[in-house]
Amino acid sequence: DGGYFLARDPDAISVGEIVCFVDGNLAPVDFASPAGEENSSDINHASPYFDFWSMVSTRMDEIYNGTSLRKIIEDWERRNADRNLSYDI
């Protein structure tokens, strides 16, 4: 019937884990990722956008990794509490 079974509690699974598993690196640009910084040349650090993209990458990590799967589920349930949802196909 499709779907997934969780091997861990939804509180212990971050959105960041899921997104990284599916899409890989979360950084908006390569040189702003931790791996990109280690492998980047001085040209990337000299870019006027380096600090900006590094800041964006840090905030994205905070949001993705600071949000649990349970939080997503609870928010969805709260928004849809008064709706009569049908799961028929």
Protein backbone atom coordinates (compact mmCIF):
# COMPACT_ATOMS: atom_id res chain seq x y z
CA ASP A 1 0.00 0.00 0.00
CA GLY A 2 3.02 2.33 -0.20
CA GLY A 3 4.48 4.61 2.42
CA TYR A 4 7.38 4.20 4.81
CA PHE A 5 7.95 2.84 8.29
CA LEU A 6 10.24 4.89 10.50
CA ALA A 7 13.14 3.14 12.19
CA ARG A 8 13.46 6.01 14.69
CA ASP A 9 11.10 8.29 16.56
CA PRO A 10 9.98 11.28 14.44
CA ASP A 11 11.45 13.58 17.12
CA ALA A 12 14.88 12.13 16.32
CA ILE A 13 14.66 12.68 12.55
CA SER A 14 15.40 16.17 11.26
CA VAL A 15 14.12 17.56 8.00
CA GLY A 16 17.78 18.20 7.17
CA GLU A 17 18.55 14.48 7.38
CA ILE A 18 15.76 13.69 4.96
CA VAL A 19 16.64 16.44 2.49
CA CYS A 20 20.36 15.57 2.57
CA PHE A 21 19.56 11.91 2.00
CA VAL A 22 17.37 12.70 -1.00
CA ASP A 23 19.11 15.76 -2.48
CA GLY A 24 22.62 15.80 -0.99
CA ASN A 25 24.23 19.03 0.15
CA LEU A 26 21.88 21.70 1.56
CA ALA A 27 24.05 24.68 0.63
CA PRO A 28 22.52 27.08 -1.92
CA VAL A 29 25.90 27.38 -3.69
CA ASP A 30 28.83 24.96 -3.62
CA PHE A 31 31.40 27.24 -2.02
CA ALA A 32 29.06 28.00 0.91
CA SER A 33 28.94 24.36 2.00
CA PRO A 34 31.42 23.01 4.55
CA ALA A 35 32.90 20.70 1.91
CA GLY A 36 32.97 23.53 -0.61
CA GLU A 37 34.85 25.83 1.77
CA GLU A 38 37.51 23.20 2.34
CA ASN A 39 37.93 22.62 -1.39
CA SER A 40 37.37 26.17 -2.62
CA SER A 41 40.01 28.42 -4.03
CA ASP A 42 40.88 31.93 -2.87
CA ILE A 43 38.72 33.22 -5.73
CA ASN A 44 35.58 32.01 -3.92
CA HIS A 45 36.61 33.70 -0.67
CA ALA A 46 37.32 36.90 -2.60
CA SER A 47 33.80 36.88 -4.05
CA PRO A 48 31.67 39.77 -2.77
CA TYR A 49 28.89 37.22 -2.21
CA PHE A 50 30.88 34.73 -0.13
CA ASP A 51 29.80 36.08 3.28
CA PHE A 52 26.19 36.42 2.14
CA TRP A 53 25.92 32.84 0.83
CA SER A 54 27.73 31.50 3.88
CA MET A 55 25.17 33.26 6.09
CA VAL A 56 22.27 31.88 4.01
CA SER A 57 23.77 28.39 4.21
CA THR A 58 24.13 28.65 8.00
CA ARG A 59 20.51 29.78 8.44
CA MET A 60 19.25 27.03 6.12
CA ASP A 61 21.15 24.44 8.15
CA GLU A 62 19.66 25.82 11.37
CA ILE A 63 16.13 25.60 10.01
CA TYR A 64 16.47 22.21 8.28
CA ASN A 65 18.37 20.54 11.10
CA GLY A 66 16.40 22.28 13.85
CA THR A 67 13.05 21.03 12.57
CA SER A 68 12.00 17.49 13.41
CA LEU A 69 9.71 15.31 11.37
CA ARG A 70 7.33 15.34 14.35
CA LYS A 71 7.16 19.18 14.16
CA ILE A 72 6.16 18.97 10.48
CA ILE A 73 3.48 16.39 11.30
CA GLU A 74 2.14 18.35 14.29
CA ASP A 75 1.98 21.59 12.27
CA TRP A 76 0.10 19.82 9.48
CA GLU A 77 -2.33 18.21 11.93
CA ARG A 78 -2.96 21.57 13.63
CA ARG A 79 -3.67 23.31 10.31
CA ASN A 80 -6.02 20.52 9.21
CA ALA A 81 -7.74 19.74 12.53
CA ASP A 82 -11.08 21.11 11.40
CA ARG A 83 -11.03 19.50 7.94
CA ASN A 84 -12.59 16.17 7.12
CA LEU A 85 -9.76 14.60 5.13
CA SER A 86 -10.37 11.61 2.85
CA TYR A 87 -7.55 9.21 2.00
CA ASP A 88 -9.46 7.18 -0.60
CA ILE A 89 -7.92 6.64 -4.00
